[in-house]
Amino acid sequence: MTYDFHAHIWPCADHGSRSEEDTEAQLAILRASGVKQVVATPHF
């Protein structure tokens, strides 16, 4: 199983996603790459 332990995917937080649509697109890319679990790591 593949994990991503440093993901900035929360919309409008840090330097990650700009919108919910961006987050959904990022998650789709991760899923297509074989990632099964993501740990969101905002800086605040």
PDB file of N, CA and C in Angstrom:
ATOM      1  N   MET A   1       0.851  -1.181   0.000  1.00  0.00           N
ATOM      2  CA  MET A   1       0.000   0.000   0.000  1.00  0.00           C
ATOM      3  C   MET A   1       0.895   1.241   0.000  1.00  0.00           C
ATOM      4  N   THR A   2       0.521   2.237  -0.765  1.00  0.00           N
ATOM      5  CA  THR A   2       1.299   3.469  -0.858  1.00  0.00           C
ATOM      6  C   THR A   2       0.608   4.575  -0.062  1.00  0.00           C
ATOM      7  N   TYR A   3       1.401   5.344   0.673  1.00  0.00           N
ATOM      8  CA  TYR A   3       0.901   6.437   1.494  1.00  0.00           C
ATOM      9  C   TYR A   3       1.551   7.749   1.077  1.00  0.00           C
ATOM     10  N   ASP A   4       0.840   8.853   1.262  1.00  0.00           N
ATOM     11  CA  ASP A   4       1.409  10.190   1.116  1.00  0.00           C
ATOM     12  C   ASP A   4       1.347  10.816   2.501  1.00  0.00           C
ATOM     13  N   PHE A   5       2.500  11.025   3.133  1.00  0.00           N
ATOM     14  CA  PHE A   5       2.547  11.547   4.491  1.00  0.00           C
ATOM     15  C   PHE A   5       2.804  13.047   4.576  1.00  0.00           C
ATOM     16  N   HIS A   6       2.763  13.735   3.467  1.00  0.00           N
ATOM     17  CA  HIS A   6       2.948  15.188   3.513  1.00  0.00           C
ATOM     18  C   HIS A   6       2.161  15.815   2.367  1.00  0.00           C
ATOM     19  N   ALA A   7       0.884  16.012   2.595  1.00  0.00           N
ATOM     20  CA  ALA A   7       0.010  16.519   1.539  1.00  0.00           C
ATOM     21  C   ALA A   7      -0.646  17.833   1.968  1.00  0.00           C
ATOM     22  N   HIS A   8      -0.502  18.843   1.152  1.00  0.00           N
ATOM     23  CA  HIS A   8      -1.169  20.131   1.376  1.00  0.00           C
ATOM     24  C   HIS A   8      -2.391  20.182   0.460  1.00  0.00           C
ATOM     25  N   ILE A   9      -3.436  19.494   0.859  1.00  0.00           N
ATOM     26  CA  ILE A   9      -4.614  19.387  -0.013  1.00  0.00           C
ATOM     27  C   ILE A   9      -5.855  20.094   0.525  1.00  0.00           C
ATOM     28  N   TRP A  10      -5.750  20.714   1.709  1.00  0.00           N
ATOM     29  CA  TRP A  10      -6.917  21.418   2.222  1.00  0.00           C
ATOM     30  C   TRP A  10      -7.130  22.701   1.436  1.00  0.00           C
ATOM     31  N   PRO A  11      -8.347  22.951   0.966  1.00  0.00           N
ATOM     32  CA  PRO A  11      -8.605  24.169   0.191  1.00  0.00           C
ATOM     33  C   PRO A  11      -8.288  25.438   0.979  1.00  0.00           C
ATOM     34  N   CYS A  12      -7.594  26.346   0.328  1.00  0.00           N
ATOM     35  CA  CYS A  12      -7.280  27.676   0.865  1.00  0.00           C
ATOM     36  C   CYS A  12      -6.389  27.642   2.108  1.00  0.00           C
ATOM     37  N   ALA A  13      -5.656  26.576   2.312  1.00  0.00           N
ATOM     38  CA  ALA A  13      -4.727  26.482   3.447  1.00  0.00           C
ATOM     39  C   ALA A  13      -3.311  26.320   2.911  1.00  0.00           C
ATOM     40  N   ASP A  14      -2.396  27.043   3.515  1.00  0.00           N
ATOM     41  CA  ASP A  14      -0.989  26.956   3.123  1.00  0.00           C
ATOM     42  C   ASP A  14      -0.806  27.222   1.629  1.00  0.00           C
ATOM     43  N   HIS A  15       0.051  26.434   1.005  1.00  0.00           N
ATOM     44  CA  HIS A  15       0.349  26.595  -0.420  1.00  0.00           C
ATOM     45  C   HIS A  15      -0.197  25.415  -1.224  1.00  0.00           C
ATOM     46  N   GLY A  16      -1.262  24.831  -0.714  1.00  0.00           N
ATOM     47  CA  GLY A  16      -1.843  23.672  -1.386  1.00  0.00           C
ATOM     48  C   GLY A  16      -2.952  24.040  -2.348  1.00  0.00           C
ATOM     49  N   SER A  17      -4.097  23.505  -2.132  1.00  0.00           N
ATOM     50  CA  SER A  17      -5.238  23.668  -3.022  1.00  0.00           C
ATOM     51  C   SER A  17      -5.862  25.058  -2.917  1.00  0.00           C
ATOM     52  N   ARG A  18      -6.336  25.553  -4.048  1.00  0.00           N
ATOM     53  CA  ARG A  18      -7.036  26.838  -4.058  1.00  0.00           C
ATOM     54  C   ARG A  18      -8.544  26.686  -3.938  1.00  0.00           C
ATOM     55  N   SER A  19      -9.054  25.449  -4.111  1.00  0.00           N
ATOM     56  CA  SER A  19     -10.502  25.244  -4.063  1.00  0.00           C
ATOM     57  C   SER A  19     -10.795  23.764  -3.806  1.00  0.00           C
ATOM     58  N   GLU A  20     -12.047  23.471  -3.520  1.00  0.00           N
ATOM     59  CA  GLU A  20     -12.452  22.072  -3.341  1.00  0.00           C
ATOM     60  C   GLU A  20     -12.237  21.276  -4.625  1.00  0.00           C
ATOM     61  N   GLU A  21     -12.445  21.929  -5.759  1.00  0.00           N
ATOM     62  CA  GLU A  21     -12.233  21.256  -7.048  1.00  0.00           C
ATOM     63  C   GLU A  21     -10.761  20.879  -7.225  1.00  0.00           C
ATOM     64  N   ASP A  22      -9.847  21.773  -6.814  1.00  0.00           N
ATOM     65  CA  ASP A  22      -8.419  21.462  -6.871  1.00  0.00           C
ATOM     66  C   ASP A  22      -8.101  20.250  -5.991  1.00  0.00           C
ATOM     67  N   THR A  23      -8.675  20.230  -4.794  1.00  0.00           N
ATOM     68  CA  THR A  23      -8.448  19.115  -3.879  1.00  0.00           C
ATOM     69  C   THR A  23      -8.942  17.808  -4.496  1.00  0.00           C
ATOM     70  N   GLU A  24     -10.129  17.834  -5.070  1.00  0.00           N
ATOM     71  CA  GLU A  24     -10.665  16.621  -5.697  1.00  0.00           C
ATOM     72  C   GLU A  24      -9.774  16.150  -6.840  1.00  0.00           C
ATOM     73  N   ALA A  25      -9.248  17.089  -7.623  1.00  0.00           N
ATOM     74  CA  ALA A  25      -8.355  16.737  -8.732  1.00  0.00           C
ATOM     75  C   ALA A  25      -7.045  16.153  -8.200  1.00  0.00           C
ATOM     76  N   GLN A  26      -6.500  16.749  -7.139  1.00  0.00           N
ATOM     77  CA  GLN A  26      -5.268  16.239  -6.540  1.00  0.00           C
ATOM     78  C   GLN A  26      -5.476  14.824  -5.999  1.00  0.00           C
ATOM     79  N   LEU A  27      -6.588  14.595  -5.332  1.00  0.00           N
ATOM     80  CA  LEU A  27      -6.878  13.260  -4.799  1.00  0.00           C
ATOM     81  C   LEU A  27      -7.054  12.240  -5.922  1.00  0.00           C
ATOM     82  N   ALA A  28      -7.658  12.657  -7.029  1.00  0.00           N
ATOM     83  CA  ALA A  28      -7.827  11.744  -8.167  1.00  0.00           C
ATOM     84  C   ALA A  28      -6.459  11.348  -8.746  1.00  0.00           C
ATOM     85  N   ILE A  29      -5.534  12.309  -8.820  1.00  0.00           N
ATOM     86  CA  ILE A  29      -4.185  12.011  -9.307  1.00  0.00           C
ATOM     87  C   ILE A  29      -3.482  11.046  -8.365  1.00  0.00           C
ATOM     88  N   LEU A  30      -3.583  11.304  -7.069  1.00  0.00           N
ATOM     89  CA  LEU A  30      -2.973  10.399  -6.093  1.00  0.00           C
ATOM     90  C   LEU A  30      -3.552   8.991  -6.211  1.00  0.00           C
ATOM     91  N   ARG A  31      -4.878   8.917  -6.304  1.00  0.00           N
ATOM     92  CA  ARG A  31      -5.556   7.617  -6.417  1.00  0.00           C
ATOM     93  C   ARG A  31      -5.094   6.875  -7.673  1.00  0.00           C
ATOM     94  N   ALA A  32      -4.992   7.577  -8.789  1.00  0.00           N
ATOM     95  CA  ALA A  32      -4.562   6.974 -10.047  1.00  0.00           C
ATOM     96  C   ALA A  32      -3.105   6.522  -9.979  1.00  0.00           C
ATOM     97  N   SER A  33      -2.327   7.156  -9.093  1.00  0.00           N
ATOM     98  CA  SER A  33      -0.917   6.795  -8.922  1.00  0.00           C
ATOM     99  C   SER A  33      -0.726   5.643  -7.942  1.00  0.00           C
ATOM    100  N   GLY A  34      -1.828   5.174  -7.356  1.00  0.00           N
ATOM    101  CA  GLY A  34      -1.753   4.040  -6.441  1.00  0.00           C
ATOM    102  C   GLY A  34      -1.720   4.397  -4.970  1.00  0.00           C
ATOM    103  N   VAL A  35      -1.822   5.683  -4.640  1.00  0.00           N
ATOM    104  CA  VAL A  35      -1.830   6.093  -3.239  1.00  0.00           C
ATOM    105  C   VAL A  35      -3.176   5.707  -2.626  1.00  0.00           C
ATOM    106  N   LYS A  36      -3.106   5.040  -1.475  1.00  0.00           N
ATOM    107  CA  LYS A  36      -4.330   4.567  -0.818  1.00  0.00           C
ATOM    108  C   LYS A  36      -4.723   5.420   0.385  1.00  0.00           C
ATOM    109  N   GLN A  37      -3.745   6.057   1.035  1.00  0.00           N
ATOM    110  CA  GLN A  37      -4.040   6.896   2.190  1.00  0.00           C
ATOM    111  C   GLN A  37      -3.214   8.170   2.112  1.00  0.00           C
ATOM    112  N   VAL A  38      -3.844   9.285   2.537  1.00  0.00           N
ATOM    113  CA  VAL A  38      -3.199  10.581   2.511  1.00  0.00           C
ATOM    114  C   VAL A  38      -3.284  11.179   3.909  1.00  0.00           C
ATOM    115  N   VAL A  39      -2.156  11.744   4.383  1.00  0.00           N
ATOM    116  CA  VAL A  39      -2.131  12.457   5.647  1.00  0.00           C
ATOM    117  C   VAL A  39      -2.014  13.928   5.299  1.00  0.00           C
ATOM    118  N   ALA A  40      -3.080  14.675   5.537  1.00  0.00           N
ATOM    119  CA  ALA A  40      -3.064  16.116   5.265  1.00  0.00           C
ATOM    120  C   ALA A  40      -2.218  16.801   6.331  1.00  0.00           C
ATOM    121  N   THR A  41      -1.321  17.697   5.901  1.00  0.00           N
ATOM    122  CA  THR A  41      -0.389  18.327   6.829  1.00  0.00           C
ATOM    123  C   THR A  41      -0.363  19.835   6.648  1.00  0.00           C
ATOM    124  N   PRO A  42      -1.438  20.532   7.053  1.00  0.00           N
ATOM    125  CA  PRO A  42      -1.417  21.986   6.963  1.00  0.00           C
ATOM    126  C   PRO A  42      -0.427  22.548   7.982  1.00  0.00           C
ATOM    127  N   HIS A  43       0.088  23.739   7.723  1.00  0.00           N
ATOM    128  CA  HIS A  43       1.070  24.354   8.608  1.00  0.00           C
ATOM    129  C   HIS A  43       0.451  25.194   9.704  1.00  0.00           C
ATOM    130  N   PHE A  44      -0.833  25.130   9.882  1.00  0.00           N
ATOM    131  CA  PHE A  44      -1.435  25.886  10.983  1.00  0.00           C
ATOM    132  C   PHE A  44      -2.393  25.023  11.748  1.00  0.00           C
TER     133      PHE A  44
END
